[in-house]
Amino acid sequence: MKMTKLTGRAIAALFIVVMVASAFPAAALGSQGTTPIYLARASAVPGVINVAGTGNDVTGDGTSANPYRTIQKGIDMASGGDTVLVAAGTYQENLDFKGKAITVKSAGGAENTTIDGGQAGSVVRFVSGETAAAVLDGFTLTNGSGTYVNQIQPFGGGVYSYNGSNPTIINCIITGNTADTGGGVSAWYASATIVNSVIRGNTASGGGGGVTVVNSIIAGNS
């Protein structure tokens, strides 16, 4: 009977040690002579960050009930694998994916969701070595004026891909953009995968009104 009581106490003591280990750093426990117990953390789950014209970049938190106001804020707050979901409307912005492997997707499709570059640069820039996991899906890109290369001339009014980047553009309409080279899209020492999209009505004073591709490989077509 006495043996049973000691066993119960031992189990209780073990339970207390586990509880303490979960509340304090393992290193602190080790310094007191107790064997550290390491607890596994759950992996981050890709999330959805919401953006809407009615949102607020200061007080918003990216939820559907309290979205951000600008797409760039959504990109800034996103982590790899996240989706920035954008409500229908017109957003006057010049976006930079900042090397992130994220999807920026419209909820209403390209006909109902426009990113207006305001003649202040390329509408969307991929200049930090983005991979194909950097996805832009379902927007009209318009009124872009390009990104200056070596401060000489602007490239890529609608989309500018540079520095080995290879973004994916899906279900987009790229129209009404201007640049010296690549009025619609410019891939300068980079690539871009463009799927189910329309590139029309763009202009370039130097060349490549629709698309300009430099130092890239186009292969395996049929």
N, C-alpha and C. Protein backbone atom coordinates (compact mmCIF):
# COMPACT_ATOMS: atom_id res chain seq x y z
N MET A 1 0.83 -1.20 0.00
CA MET A 1 0.00 0.00 0.00
C MET A 1 0.86 1.25 0.00
N LYS A 2 1.95 1.19 0.80
CA LYS A 2 2.87 2.30 0.87
C LYS A 2 3.58 2.50 -0.48
N MET A 3 3.92 1.41 -1.15
CA MET A 3 4.57 1.47 -2.46
C MET A 3 3.68 2.19 -3.47
N THR A 4 2.38 1.96 -3.42
CA THR A 4 1.44 2.59 -4.34
C THR A 4 1.43 4.09 -4.15
N LYS A 5 1.46 4.55 -2.91
CA LYS A 5 1.46 5.99 -2.64
C LYS A 5 2.72 6.65 -3.20
N LEU A 6 3.89 6.02 -3.05
CA LEU A 6 5.13 6.59 -3.57
C LEU A 6 5.08 6.70 -5.10
N THR A 7 4.51 5.69 -5.74
CA THR A 7 4.40 5.72 -7.20
C THR A 7 3.52 6.88 -7.65
N GLY A 8 2.45 7.09 -6.96
CA GLY A 8 1.54 8.19 -7.28
C GLY A 8 2.24 9.53 -7.14
N ARG A 9 3.05 9.67 -6.08
CA ARG A 9 3.78 10.92 -5.88
C ARG A 9 4.80 11.14 -7.00
N ALA A 10 5.46 10.07 -7.38
CA ALA A 10 6.45 10.18 -8.46
C ALA A 10 5.80 10.65 -9.75
N ILE A 11 4.62 10.12 -10.04
CA ILE A 11 3.90 10.53 -11.25
C ILE A 11 3.51 11.99 -11.16
N ALA A 12 3.05 12.40 -9.99
CA ALA A 12 2.65 13.79 -9.80
C ALA A 12 3.85 14.71 -9.97
N ALA A 13 5.00 14.30 -9.43
CA ALA A 13 6.21 15.11 -9.55
C ALA A 13 6.63 15.25 -11.01
N LEU A 14 6.54 14.15 -11.76
CA LEU A 14 6.89 14.20 -13.18
C LEU A 14 5.97 15.15 -13.93
N PHE A 15 4.70 15.13 -13.60
CA PHE A 15 3.72 16.02 -14.23
C PHE A 15 4.07 17.48 -13.96
N ILE A 16 4.49 17.78 -12.73
CA ILE A 16 4.84 19.15 -12.38
C ILE A 16 6.05 19.60 -13.18
N VAL A 17 7.06 18.72 -13.33
CA VAL A 17 8.25 19.08 -14.10
C VAL A 17 7.88 19.41 -15.53
N VAL A 18 7.00 18.63 -16.14
CA VAL A 18 6.57 18.88 -17.51
C VAL A 18 5.86 20.22 -17.60
N MET A 19 5.00 20.53 -16.64
CA MET A 19 4.28 21.80 -16.65
C MET A 19 5.24 22.97 -16.51
N VAL A 20 6.23 22.84 -15.64
CA VAL A 20 7.22 23.90 -15.46
C VAL A 20 8.03 24.09 -16.73
N ALA A 21 8.39 22.99 -17.38
CA ALA A 21 9.18 23.07 -18.61
C ALA A 21 8.44 23.82 -19.69
N SER A 22 7.13 23.71 -19.74
CA SER A 22 6.36 24.40 -20.75
C SER A 22 6.19 25.87 -20.44
N ALA A 23 6.42 26.27 -19.19
CA ALA A 23 6.22 27.65 -18.79
C ALA A 23 7.50 28.46 -18.78
N PHE A 24 8.68 27.79 -18.65
CA PHE A 24 9.95 28.49 -18.55
C PHE A 24 10.92 27.97 -19.60
N PRO A 25 11.91 28.79 -19.99
CA PRO A 25 12.91 28.35 -20.97
C PRO A 25 13.65 27.11 -20.51
N ALA A 26 13.97 26.23 -21.47
CA ALA A 26 14.65 24.98 -21.13
C ALA A 26 16.02 25.25 -20.53
N ALA A 27 16.71 26.32 -20.98
CA ALA A 27 18.04 26.61 -20.48
C ALA A 27 18.00 26.93 -18.99
N ALA A 28 16.95 27.63 -18.54
CA ALA A 28 16.83 27.99 -17.14
C ALA A 28 16.66 26.75 -16.28
N LEU A 29 15.89 25.79 -16.79
CA LEU A 29 15.70 24.55 -16.04
C LEU A 29 17.01 23.78 -15.93
N GLY A 30 17.76 23.76 -17.04
CA GLY A 30 19.01 23.03 -17.05
C GLY A 30 19.99 23.61 -16.04
N SER A 31 19.98 24.95 -15.85
CA SER A 31 20.91 25.56 -14.92
C SER A 31 20.60 25.21 -13.48
N GLN A 32 19.38 24.71 -13.23
CA GLN A 32 19.00 24.31 -11.88
C GLN A 32 19.14 22.81 -11.68
N GLY A 33 19.76 22.13 -12.65
CA GLY A 33 20.02 20.71 -12.50
C GLY A 33 18.93 19.82 -13.02
N THR A 34 17.90 20.37 -13.63
CA THR A 34 16.82 19.57 -14.18
C THR A 34 17.06 19.36 -15.67
N THR A 35 16.85 18.18 -16.16
CA THR A 35 17.06 17.89 -17.58
C THR A 35 16.09 18.69 -18.42
N PRO A 36 16.57 19.46 -19.43
CA PRO A 36 15.67 20.27 -20.26
C PRO A 36 14.68 19.41 -21.02
N ILE A 37 13.48 19.91 -21.18
CA ILE A 37 12.45 19.25 -21.99
C ILE A 37 12.09 20.20 -23.12
N TYR A 38 12.28 19.76 -24.36
CA TYR A 38 12.02 20.61 -25.50
C TYR A 38 10.64 20.28 -26.08
N LEU A 39 9.84 21.31 -26.27
CA LEU A 39 8.49 21.12 -26.77
C LEU A 39 8.43 21.58 -28.22
N ALA A 40 7.86 20.75 -29.08
CA ALA A 40 7.76 21.08 -30.49
C ALA A 40 6.69 22.14 -30.70
N ARG A 41 6.97 23.08 -31.63
CA ARG A 41 6.00 24.10 -31.99
C ARG A 41 5.33 23.74 -33.30
N ALA A 42 4.06 24.07 -33.42
CA ALA A 42 3.33 23.78 -34.65
C ALA A 42 3.86 24.66 -35.77
N SER A 43 3.94 24.12 -36.99
CA SER A 43 4.41 24.88 -38.13
C SER A 43 3.38 25.94 -38.49
N ALA A 44 3.89 27.06 -39.03
CA ALA A 44 2.99 28.14 -39.44
C ALA A 44 2.13 27.67 -40.61
N VAL A 45 0.87 27.98 -40.56
CA VAL A 45 -0.07 27.59 -41.61
C VAL A 45 -0.29 28.79 -42.52
N PRO A 46 -0.14 28.62 -43.85
CA PRO A 46 -0.38 29.74 -44.76
C PRO A 46 -1.74 30.35 -44.50
N GLY A 47 -1.79 31.68 -44.50
CA GLY A 47 -3.03 32.36 -44.17
C GLY A 47 -3.51 33.25 -45.29
N VAL A 48 -4.65 33.88 -45.06
CA VAL A 48 -5.25 34.81 -46.00
C VAL A 48 -5.24 36.20 -45.37
N ILE A 49 -4.72 37.16 -46.10
CA ILE A 49 -4.69 38.55 -45.66
C ILE A 49 -5.64 39.33 -46.57
N ASN A 50 -6.60 39.98 -45.98
CA ASN A 50 -7.65 40.65 -46.73
C ASN A 50 -7.35 42.13 -46.95
N VAL A 51 -7.69 42.60 -48.16
CA VAL A 51 -7.53 44.01 -48.53
C VAL A 51 -8.83 44.47 -49.18
N ALA A 52 -9.27 45.68 -48.83
CA ALA A 52 -10.49 46.23 -49.42
C ALA A 52 -10.40 47.75 -49.42
N GLY A 53 -11.11 48.37 -50.35
CA GLY A 53 -11.11 49.82 -50.42
C GLY A 53 -11.68 50.48 -49.18
N THR A 54 -12.44 49.74 -48.41
CA THR A 54 -13.02 50.26 -47.18
C THR A 54 -12.14 49.99 -45.96
N GLY A 55 -10.98 49.37 -46.19
CA GLY A 55 -10.11 48.99 -45.08
C GLY A 55 -9.27 50.14 -44.56
N ASN A 56 -8.35 49.81 -43.65
CA ASN A 56 -7.50 50.82 -43.03
C ASN A 56 -6.13 50.20 -42.75
N ASP A 57 -5.08 50.83 -43.26
CA ASP A 57 -3.73 50.29 -43.06
C ASP A 57 -3.21 50.46 -41.64
N VAL A 58 -3.82 51.38 -40.89
CA VAL A 58 -3.36 51.65 -39.53
C VAL A 58 -4.09 50.80 -38.51
N THR A 59 -5.41 50.78 -38.61
CA THR A 59 -6.21 50.05 -37.62
C THR A 59 -6.62 48.66 -38.08
N GLY A 60 -6.40 48.35 -39.36
CA GLY A 60 -6.77 47.03 -39.86
C GLY A 60 -5.83 45.95 -39.38
N ASP A 61 -6.33 44.70 -39.44
CA ASP A 61 -5.49 43.57 -39.06
C ASP A 61 -5.46 42.48 -40.13
N GLY A 62 -6.05 42.78 -41.30
CA GLY A 62 -6.00 41.84 -42.41
C GLY A 62 -7.07 40.76 -42.40
N THR A 63 -7.96 40.80 -41.41
CA THR A 63 -9.07 39.86 -41.40
C THR A 63 -10.15 40.35 -42.35
N SER A 64 -11.11 39.47 -42.66
CA SER A 64 -12.19 39.88 -43.55
C SER A 64 -13.06 40.96 -42.92
N ALA A 65 -13.14 40.96 -41.59
CA ALA A 65 -13.93 41.97 -40.88
C ALA A 65 -13.19 43.28 -40.72
N ASN A 66 -11.86 43.24 -40.81
CA ASN A 66 -11.05 44.44 -40.57
C ASN A 66 -9.85 44.44 -41.53
N PRO A 67 -10.12 44.61 -42.84
CA PRO A 67 -9.07 44.47 -43.85
C PRO A 67 -8.12 45.66 -43.89
N TYR A 68 -7.01 45.47 -44.58
CA TYR A 68 -6.12 46.59 -44.88
C TYR A 68 -6.68 47.39 -46.05
N ARG A 69 -6.16 48.60 -46.21
CA ARG A 69 -6.65 49.48 -47.27
C ARG A 69 -5.88 49.30 -48.58
N THR A 70 -4.60 49.04 -48.51
CA THR A 70 -3.78 48.95 -49.72
C THR A 70 -3.22 47.54 -49.92
N ILE A 71 -3.01 47.22 -51.18
CA ILE A 71 -2.46 45.91 -51.51
C ILE A 71 -1.02 45.81 -51.01
N GLN A 72 -0.27 46.91 -51.11
CA GLN A 72 1.12 46.86 -50.66
C GLN A 72 1.21 46.55 -49.17
N LYS A 73 0.29 47.07 -48.38
CA LYS A 73 0.28 46.74 -46.95
C LYS A 73 0.07 45.25 -46.76
N GLY A 74 -0.83 44.67 -47.55
CA GLY A 74 -1.05 43.23 -47.48
C GLY A 74 0.21 42.45 -47.81
N ILE A 75 0.93 42.90 -48.85
CA ILE A 75 2.18 42.25 -49.22
C ILE A 75 3.20 42.38 -48.10
N ASP A 76 3.30 43.57 -47.54
CA ASP A 76 4.27 43.81 -46.47
C ASP A 76 4.03 42.90 -45.26
N MET A 77 2.77 42.61 -44.98
CA MET A 77 2.41 41.82 -43.81
C MET A 77 2.41 40.32 -44.08
N ALA A 78 2.51 39.93 -45.35
CA ALA A 78 2.41 38.51 -45.72
C ALA A 78 3.72 37.77 -45.49
N SER A 79 3.58 36.48 -45.23
CA SER A 79 4.72 35.57 -45.12
C SER A 79 4.64 34.55 -46.25
N GLY A 80 5.70 33.82 -46.48
CA GLY A 80 5.73 32.84 -47.55
C GLY A 80 4.55 31.89 -47.51
N GLY A 81 3.89 31.70 -48.65
CA GLY A 81 2.75 30.81 -48.74
C GLY A 81 1.42 31.48 -48.50
N ASP A 82 1.42 32.72 -48.01
CA ASP A 82 0.17 33.43 -47.74
C ASP A 82 -0.49 33.89 -49.04
N THR A 83 -1.79 34.17 -48.94
CA THR A 83 -2.55 34.77 -50.04
C THR A 83 -3.06 36.13 -49.60
N VAL A 84 -2.79 37.15 -50.40
CA VAL A 84 -3.37 38.47 -50.18
C VAL A 84 -4.61 38.55 -51.06
N LEU A 85 -5.78 38.54 -50.43
CA LEU A 85 -7.05 38.50 -51.16
C LEU A 85 -7.61 39.91 -51.24
N VAL A 86 -7.80 40.41 -52.47
CA VAL A 86 -8.14 41.81 -52.70
C VAL A 86 -9.58 41.93 -53.19
N ALA A 87 -10.38 42.72 -52.50
CA ALA A 87 -11.77 42.94 -52.90
C ALA A 87 -11.83 43.75 -54.18
N ALA A 88 -12.94 43.63 -54.91
CA ALA A 88 -13.12 44.36 -56.16
C ALA A 88 -13.01 45.87 -55.91
N GLY A 89 -12.49 46.58 -56.92
CA GLY A 89 -12.32 48.02 -56.80
C GLY A 89 -11.10 48.47 -57.56
N THR A 90 -10.79 49.76 -57.46
CA THR A 90 -9.61 50.33 -58.10
C THR A 90 -8.64 50.79 -57.02
N TYR A 91 -7.39 50.37 -57.16
CA TYR A 91 -6.34 50.69 -56.19
C TYR A 91 -5.22 51.42 -56.91
N GLN A 92 -4.96 52.67 -56.54
CA GLN A 92 -3.88 53.42 -57.17
C GLN A 92 -2.61 53.15 -56.38
N GLU A 93 -1.81 52.25 -56.92
CA GLU A 93 -0.60 51.80 -56.23
C GLU A 93 0.47 51.39 -57.22
N ASN A 94 1.68 51.30 -56.72
CA ASN A 94 2.80 50.72 -57.44
C ASN A 94 3.38 49.65 -56.53
N LEU A 95 3.18 48.39 -56.89
CA LEU A 95 3.48 47.28 -55.99
C LEU A 95 4.88 46.73 -56.16
N ASP A 96 5.44 46.24 -55.05
CA ASP A 96 6.72 45.54 -55.05
C ASP A 96 6.54 44.27 -54.22
N PHE A 97 6.76 43.12 -54.84
CA PHE A 97 6.58 41.84 -54.13
C PHE A 97 7.67 41.57 -53.10
N LYS A 98 8.77 42.29 -53.16
CA LYS A 98 9.83 42.21 -52.15
C LYS A 98 10.39 40.80 -51.96
N GLY A 99 10.43 40.05 -53.04
CA GLY A 99 11.04 38.72 -52.99
C GLY A 99 10.19 37.65 -52.34
N LYS A 100 8.93 37.93 -52.04
CA LYS A 100 8.10 36.99 -51.29
C LYS A 100 7.41 35.97 -52.19
N ALA A 101 7.34 34.74 -51.70
CA ALA A 101 6.63 33.65 -52.39
C ALA A 101 5.19 33.64 -51.92
N ILE A 102 4.42 34.60 -52.41
CA ILE A 102 3.03 34.76 -52.00
C ILE A 102 2.14 34.91 -53.23
N THR A 103 0.84 34.75 -53.02
CA THR A 103 -0.14 34.97 -54.08
C THR A 103 -0.94 36.23 -53.76
N VAL A 104 -1.00 37.14 -54.72
CA VAL A 104 -1.87 38.31 -54.60
C VAL A 104 -3.00 38.09 -55.59
N LYS A 105 -4.20 37.91 -55.07
CA LYS A 105 -5.33 37.46 -55.88
C LYS A 105 -6.54 38.36 -55.68
N SER A 106 -7.22 38.68 -56.78
CA SER A 106 -8.44 39.47 -56.66
C SER A 106 -9.62 38.55 -56.37
N ALA A 107 -10.57 39.06 -55.63
CA ALA A 107 -11.78 38.29 -55.34
C ALA A 107 -12.80 38.43 -56.46
N GLY A 108 -12.69 39.50 -57.26
CA GLY A 108 -13.71 39.77 -58.28
C GLY A 108 -13.25 39.63 -59.70
N GLY A 109 -11.99 39.24 -59.94
CA GLY A 109 -11.50 39.07 -61.29
C GLY A 109 -10.97 40.37 -61.89
N ALA A 110 -10.25 40.23 -63.01
CA ALA A 110 -9.59 41.38 -63.64
C ALA A 110 -10.57 42.44 -64.12
N GLU A 111 -11.76 42.03 -64.52
CA GLU A 111 -12.74 43.00 -65.01
C GLU A 111 -13.24 43.92 -63.91
N ASN A 112 -13.12 43.49 -62.67
CA ASN A 112 -13.66 44.26 -61.55
C ASN A 112 -12.61 44.76 -60.57
N THR A 113 -11.35 44.46 -60.83
CA THR A 113 -10.30 44.83 -59.89
C THR A 113 -9.11 45.40 -60.65
N THR A 114 -8.84 46.68 -60.43
CA THR A 114 -7.82 47.39 -61.19
C THR A 114 -6.74 47.93 -60.26
N ILE A 115 -5.49 47.79 -60.70
CA ILE A 115 -4.38 48.46 -60.04
C ILE A 115 -3.89 49.54 -61.00
N ASP A 116 -4.05 50.79 -60.59
CA ASP A 116 -3.71 51.96 -61.40
C ASP A 116 -2.36 52.50 -60.94
N GLY A 117 -1.38 52.48 -61.84
CA GLY A 117 -0.04 52.92 -61.47
C GLY A 117 0.12 54.42 -61.33
N GLY A 118 -0.88 55.19 -61.75
CA GLY A 118 -0.85 56.64 -61.58
C GLY A 118 0.32 57.32 -62.27
N GLN A 119 0.88 56.68 -63.32
CA GLN A 119 2.04 57.22 -64.03
C GLN A 119 3.19 57.52 -63.08
N ALA A 120 3.32 56.69 -62.03
CA ALA A 120 4.36 56.90 -61.02
C ALA A 120 5.38 55.77 -60.99
N GLY A 121 5.45 54.98 -62.06
CA GLY A 121 6.36 53.85 -62.12
C GLY A 121 5.65 52.62 -62.63
N SER A 122 6.34 51.48 -62.62
CA SER A 122 5.71 50.22 -63.02
C SER A 122 4.55 49.92 -62.07
N VAL A 123 3.49 49.32 -62.60
CA VAL A 123 2.36 48.97 -61.73
C VAL A 123 2.79 47.90 -60.73
N VAL A 124 3.50 46.88 -61.21
CA VAL A 124 3.98 45.81 -60.32
C VAL A 124 5.44 45.51 -60.64
N ARG A 125 6.26 45.41 -59.60
CA ARG A 125 7.69 45.13 -59.76
C ARG A 125 8.06 43.84 -59.06
N PHE A 126 8.85 43.03 -59.77
CA PHE A 126 9.46 41.82 -59.21
C PHE A 126 10.97 41.98 -59.41
N VAL A 127 11.67 42.47 -58.41
CA VAL A 127 13.07 42.84 -58.60
C VAL A 127 14.00 42.24 -57.55
N SER A 128 13.49 41.28 -56.79
CA SER A 128 14.28 40.70 -55.69
C SER A 128 14.44 39.20 -55.83
N GLY A 129 14.51 38.73 -57.08
CA GLY A 129 14.72 37.31 -57.31
C GLY A 129 13.52 36.44 -56.99
N GLU A 130 12.32 36.98 -57.18
CA GLU A 130 11.11 36.19 -56.93
C GLU A 130 11.07 34.94 -57.80
N THR A 131 10.51 33.88 -57.27
CA THR A 131 10.35 32.63 -58.00
C THR A 131 8.95 32.55 -58.59
N ALA A 132 8.65 31.43 -59.24
CA ALA A 132 7.32 31.22 -59.80
C ALA A 132 6.25 31.18 -58.73
N ALA A 133 6.65 31.05 -57.46
CA ALA A 133 5.69 31.05 -56.36
C ALA A 133 5.21 32.45 -56.01
N ALA A 134 5.77 33.47 -56.67
CA ALA A 134 5.25 34.83 -56.54
C ALA A 134 4.20 35.01 -57.63
N VAL A 135 2.93 35.01 -57.23
CA VAL A 135 1.82 34.93 -58.18
C VAL A 135 0.93 36.17 -58.09
N LEU A 136 0.62 36.74 -59.25
CA LEU A 136 -0.36 37.83 -59.36
C LEU A 136 -1.52 37.29 -60.17
N ASP A 137 -2.71 37.29 -59.60
CA ASP A 137 -3.85 36.60 -60.20
C ASP A 137 -5.10 37.47 -60.23
N GLY A 138 -5.54 37.83 -61.45
CA GLY A 138 -6.86 38.42 -61.61
C GLY A 138 -6.97 39.92 -61.46
N PHE A 139 -6.09 40.69 -62.12
CA PHE A 139 -6.13 42.15 -62.03
C PHE A 139 -6.01 42.78 -63.41
N THR A 140 -6.55 43.99 -63.54
CA THR A 140 -6.22 44.86 -64.65
C THR A 140 -5.11 45.78 -64.19
N LEU A 141 -4.01 45.80 -64.93
CA LEU A 141 -2.86 46.65 -64.60
C LEU A 141 -2.80 47.76 -65.64
N THR A 142 -2.90 49.00 -65.19
CA THR A 142 -2.98 50.11 -66.13
C THR A 142 -2.30 51.36 -65.60
N ASN A 143 -2.00 52.27 -66.55
CA ASN A 143 -1.47 53.60 -66.22
C ASN A 143 -0.10 53.54 -65.54
N GLY A 144 0.68 52.51 -65.86
CA GLY A 144 2.05 52.44 -65.36
C GLY A 144 3.00 53.15 -66.30
N SER A 145 4.11 53.65 -65.77
CA SER A 145 5.06 54.40 -66.59
C SER A 145 6.46 53.81 -66.60
N GLY A 146 6.65 52.66 -65.95
CA GLY A 146 7.93 51.97 -66.02
C GLY A 146 8.90 52.29 -64.90
N THR A 147 9.92 51.43 -64.79
CA THR A 147 10.98 51.58 -63.79
C THR A 147 12.27 51.98 -64.50
N TYR A 148 12.90 53.02 -64.03
CA TYR A 148 14.14 53.49 -64.66
C TYR A 148 15.29 52.53 -64.38
N VAL A 149 16.00 52.16 -65.43
CA VAL A 149 17.16 51.30 -65.33
C VAL A 149 18.40 52.15 -65.56
N ASN A 150 19.29 52.17 -64.59
CA ASN A 150 20.50 53.00 -64.65
C ASN A 150 20.17 54.47 -64.86
N GLN A 151 18.99 54.86 -64.40
CA GLN A 151 18.54 56.25 -64.47
C GLN A 151 18.55 56.79 -65.90
N ILE A 152 18.39 55.89 -66.85
CA ILE A 152 18.45 56.30 -68.25
C ILE A 152 17.07 56.26 -68.89
N GLN A 153 16.39 55.12 -68.80
CA GLN A 153 15.10 54.98 -69.46
C GLN A 153 14.22 54.01 -68.67
N PRO A 154 12.91 54.20 -68.73
CA PRO A 154 11.99 53.34 -67.98
C PRO A 154 11.65 52.05 -68.72
N PHE A 155 11.58 50.96 -67.98
CA PHE A 155 11.24 49.65 -68.51
C PHE A 155 9.98 49.13 -67.81
N GLY A 156 9.15 48.41 -68.57
CA GLY A 156 8.03 47.68 -67.98
C GLY A 156 6.96 48.54 -67.34
N GLY A 157 6.13 49.15 -68.16
CA GLY A 157 5.07 50.00 -67.61
C GLY A 157 4.09 49.24 -66.74
N GLY A 158 3.65 48.08 -67.20
CA GLY A 158 2.70 47.28 -66.43
C GLY A 158 3.38 46.38 -65.43
N VAL A 159 4.32 45.56 -65.91
CA VAL A 159 5.06 44.62 -65.06
C VAL A 159 6.55 44.74 -65.37
N TYR A 160 7.36 44.85 -64.33
CA TYR A 160 8.81 44.88 -64.50
C TYR A 160 9.42 43.76 -63.69
N SER A 161 10.08 42.82 -64.40
CA SER A 161 10.75 41.69 -63.77
C SER A 161 12.25 41.84 -63.99
N TYR A 162 13.03 41.68 -62.91
CA TYR A 162 14.46 41.98 -62.98
C TYR A 162 15.23 41.09 -62.00
N ASN A 163 16.54 41.02 -62.20
CA ASN A 163 17.43 40.39 -61.22
C ASN A 163 17.14 38.90 -61.03
N GLY A 164 16.89 38.21 -62.15
CA GLY A 164 16.67 36.77 -62.08
C GLY A 164 15.29 36.36 -61.60
N SER A 165 14.39 37.31 -61.46
CA SER A 165 13.03 36.99 -60.99
C SER A 165 12.27 36.20 -62.06
N ASN A 166 11.30 35.41 -61.62
CA ASN A 166 10.47 34.63 -62.54
C ASN A 166 9.06 34.53 -61.98
N PRO A 167 8.34 35.64 -61.90
CA PRO A 167 6.99 35.63 -61.33
C PRO A 167 5.99 34.95 -62.24
N THR A 168 4.83 34.67 -61.68
CA THR A 168 3.72 34.08 -62.44
C THR A 168 2.57 35.07 -62.49
N ILE A 169 2.14 35.40 -63.70
CA ILE A 169 1.03 36.33 -63.92
C ILE A 169 -0.13 35.54 -64.50
N ILE A 170 -1.27 35.51 -63.81
CA ILE A 170 -2.40 34.70 -64.22
C ILE A 170 -3.66 35.57 -64.31
N ASN A 171 -4.45 35.34 -65.36
CA ASN A 171 -5.78 35.94 -65.48
C ASN A 171 -5.75 37.46 -65.36
N CYS A 172 -4.74 38.09 -65.95
CA CYS A 172 -4.61 39.54 -65.85
C CYS A 172 -4.84 40.22 -67.20
N ILE A 173 -5.21 41.48 -67.14
CA ILE A 173 -5.31 42.34 -68.31
C ILE A 173 -4.30 43.46 -68.12
N ILE A 174 -3.33 43.54 -69.03
CA ILE A 174 -2.27 44.54 -68.93
C ILE A 174 -2.48 45.52 -70.08
N THR A 175 -2.95 46.72 -69.77
CA THR A 175 -3.38 47.64 -70.82
C THR A 175 -3.17 49.09 -70.41
N GLY A 176 -2.93 49.93 -71.42
CA GLY A 176 -2.83 51.36 -71.15
C GLY A 176 -1.61 51.78 -70.37
N ASN A 177 -0.51 51.04 -70.53
CA ASN A 177 0.74 51.38 -69.85
C ASN A 177 1.76 51.91 -70.85
N THR A 178 2.73 52.68 -70.35
CA THR A 178 3.76 53.23 -71.22
C THR A 178 5.14 53.03 -70.59
N ALA A 179 6.16 53.00 -71.44
CA ALA A 179 7.56 52.94 -71.00
C ALA A 179 8.43 53.19 -72.22
N ASP A 180 9.70 53.35 -72.01
CA ASP A 180 10.59 53.45 -73.16
C ASP A 180 10.74 52.08 -73.80
N THR A 181 10.86 51.04 -72.97
CA THR A 181 11.02 49.67 -73.45
C THR A 181 10.08 48.75 -72.69
N GLY A 182 9.29 47.97 -73.42
CA GLY A 182 8.36 47.06 -72.76
C GLY A 182 7.21 47.80 -72.11
N GLY A 183 6.37 48.40 -72.93
CA GLY A 183 5.25 49.17 -72.37
C GLY A 183 4.35 48.35 -71.48
N GLY A 184 4.07 47.11 -71.88
CA GLY A 184 3.23 46.24 -71.07
C GLY A 184 4.02 45.47 -70.03
N VAL A 185 5.02 44.71 -70.51
CA VAL A 185 5.83 43.86 -69.62
C VAL A 185 7.29 43.94 -70.05
N SER A 186 8.19 44.03 -69.09
CA SER A 186 9.61 43.95 -69.38
C SER A 186 10.26 42.95 -68.43
N ALA A 187 10.98 41.98 -69.01
CA ALA A 187 11.77 41.03 -68.23
C ALA A 187 13.23 41.28 -68.56
N TRP A 188 13.91 41.98 -67.67
CA TRP A 188 15.29 42.41 -67.90
C TRP A 188 16.22 41.56 -67.05
N TYR A 189 16.99 40.68 -67.72
CA TYR A 189 17.80 39.68 -67.01
C TYR A 189 16.91 38.89 -66.04
N ALA A 190 15.75 38.54 -66.52
CA ALA A 190 14.75 37.85 -65.70
C ALA A 190 13.75 37.18 -66.63
N SER A 191 12.70 36.63 -66.07
CA SER A 191 11.65 35.98 -66.84
C SER A 191 10.30 36.34 -66.24
N ALA A 192 9.26 35.87 -66.89
CA ALA A 192 7.91 36.00 -66.35
C ALA A 192 7.04 34.96 -67.04
N THR A 193 6.29 34.21 -66.27
CA THR A 193 5.35 33.24 -66.82
C THR A 193 3.97 33.90 -66.83
N ILE A 194 3.41 34.07 -68.02
CA ILE A 194 2.14 34.77 -68.17
C ILE A 194 1.12 33.79 -68.72
N VAL A 195 0.04 33.57 -67.96
CA VAL A 195 -0.95 32.55 -68.28
C VAL A 195 -2.34 33.16 -68.35
N ASN A 196 -3.08 32.82 -69.41
CA ASN A 196 -4.48 33.21 -69.54
C ASN A 196 -4.68 34.71 -69.31
N SER A 197 -3.81 35.50 -69.91
CA SER A 197 -3.85 36.95 -69.71
C SER A 197 -3.91 37.67 -71.05
N VAL A 198 -4.23 38.96 -71.01
CA VAL A 198 -4.32 39.79 -72.20
C VAL A 198 -3.36 40.97 -72.04
N ILE A 199 -2.51 41.18 -73.06
CA ILE A 199 -1.61 42.34 -73.08
C ILE A 199 -1.97 43.14 -74.33
N ARG A 200 -2.53 44.33 -74.13
CA ARG A 200 -3.02 45.09 -75.28
C ARG A 200 -2.99 46.60 -74.98
N GLY A 201 -2.87 47.38 -76.03
CA GLY A 201 -3.00 48.82 -75.90
C GLY A 201 -1.92 49.48 -75.07
N ASN A 202 -0.73 48.89 -75.02
CA ASN A 202 0.39 49.50 -74.31
C ASN A 202 1.34 50.14 -75.33
N THR A 203 2.12 51.13 -74.91
CA THR A 203 3.01 51.81 -75.83
C THR A 203 4.42 51.91 -75.26
N ALA A 204 5.40 51.91 -76.18
CA ALA A 204 6.80 52.08 -75.79
C ALA A 204 7.48 52.95 -76.83
N SER A 205 8.15 53.99 -76.38
CA SER A 205 8.80 54.90 -77.31
C SER A 205 10.06 54.31 -77.92
N GLY A 206 10.71 53.39 -77.20
CA GLY A 206 11.94 52.79 -77.70
C GLY A 206 11.72 51.48 -78.41
N GLY A 207 10.91 50.60 -77.85
CA GLY A 207 10.65 49.31 -78.47
C GLY A 207 9.91 48.39 -77.53
N GLY A 208 9.24 47.40 -78.12
CA GLY A 208 8.52 46.42 -77.31
C GLY A 208 7.30 47.01 -76.63
N GLY A 209 6.37 47.51 -77.42
CA GLY A 209 5.17 48.08 -76.83
C GLY A 209 4.44 47.12 -75.93
N GLY A 210 4.38 45.84 -76.33
CA GLY A 210 3.70 44.84 -75.51
C GLY A 210 4.63 44.20 -74.51
N VAL A 211 5.67 43.50 -75.00
CA VAL A 211 6.57 42.75 -74.13
C VAL A 211 8.01 42.91 -74.61
N THR A 212 8.92 43.09 -73.67
CA THR A 212 10.35 43.05 -73.97
C THR A 212 11.01 42.03 -73.06
N VAL A 213 11.79 41.11 -73.64
CA VAL A 213 12.49 40.10 -72.87
C VAL A 213 13.98 40.19 -73.21
N VAL A 214 14.82 40.34 -72.20
CA VAL A 214 16.26 40.50 -72.41
C VAL A 214 17.02 39.45 -71.63
N ASN A 215 17.99 38.81 -72.28
CA ASN A 215 18.88 37.84 -71.64
C ASN A 215 18.09 36.75 -70.91
N SER A 216 17.08 36.22 -71.57
CA SER A 216 16.25 35.16 -71.01
C SER A 216 16.19 34.01 -72.00
N ILE A 217 15.69 32.88 -71.56
CA ILE A 217 15.56 31.70 -72.41
C ILE A 217 14.09 31.39 -72.62
N ILE A 218 13.68 31.28 -73.88
CA ILE A 218 12.33 30.85 -74.23
C ILE A 218 12.50 29.53 -74.97
N ALA A 219 12.05 28.44 -74.36
CA ALA A 219 12.33 27.12 -74.92
C ALA A 219 11.17 26.17 -74.69
N GLY A 220 11.18 25.07 -75.44
CA GLY A 220 10.21 24.00 -75.23
C GLY A 220 8.79 24.37 -75.62
N ASN A 221 8.64 25.23 -76.62
CA ASN A 221 7.31 25.63 -77.06
C ASN A 221 6.86 24.74 -78.21
N SER A 222 5.56 24.62 -78.39
CA SER A 222 5.04 23.83 -79.50
C SER A 222 3.74 24.43 -80.01
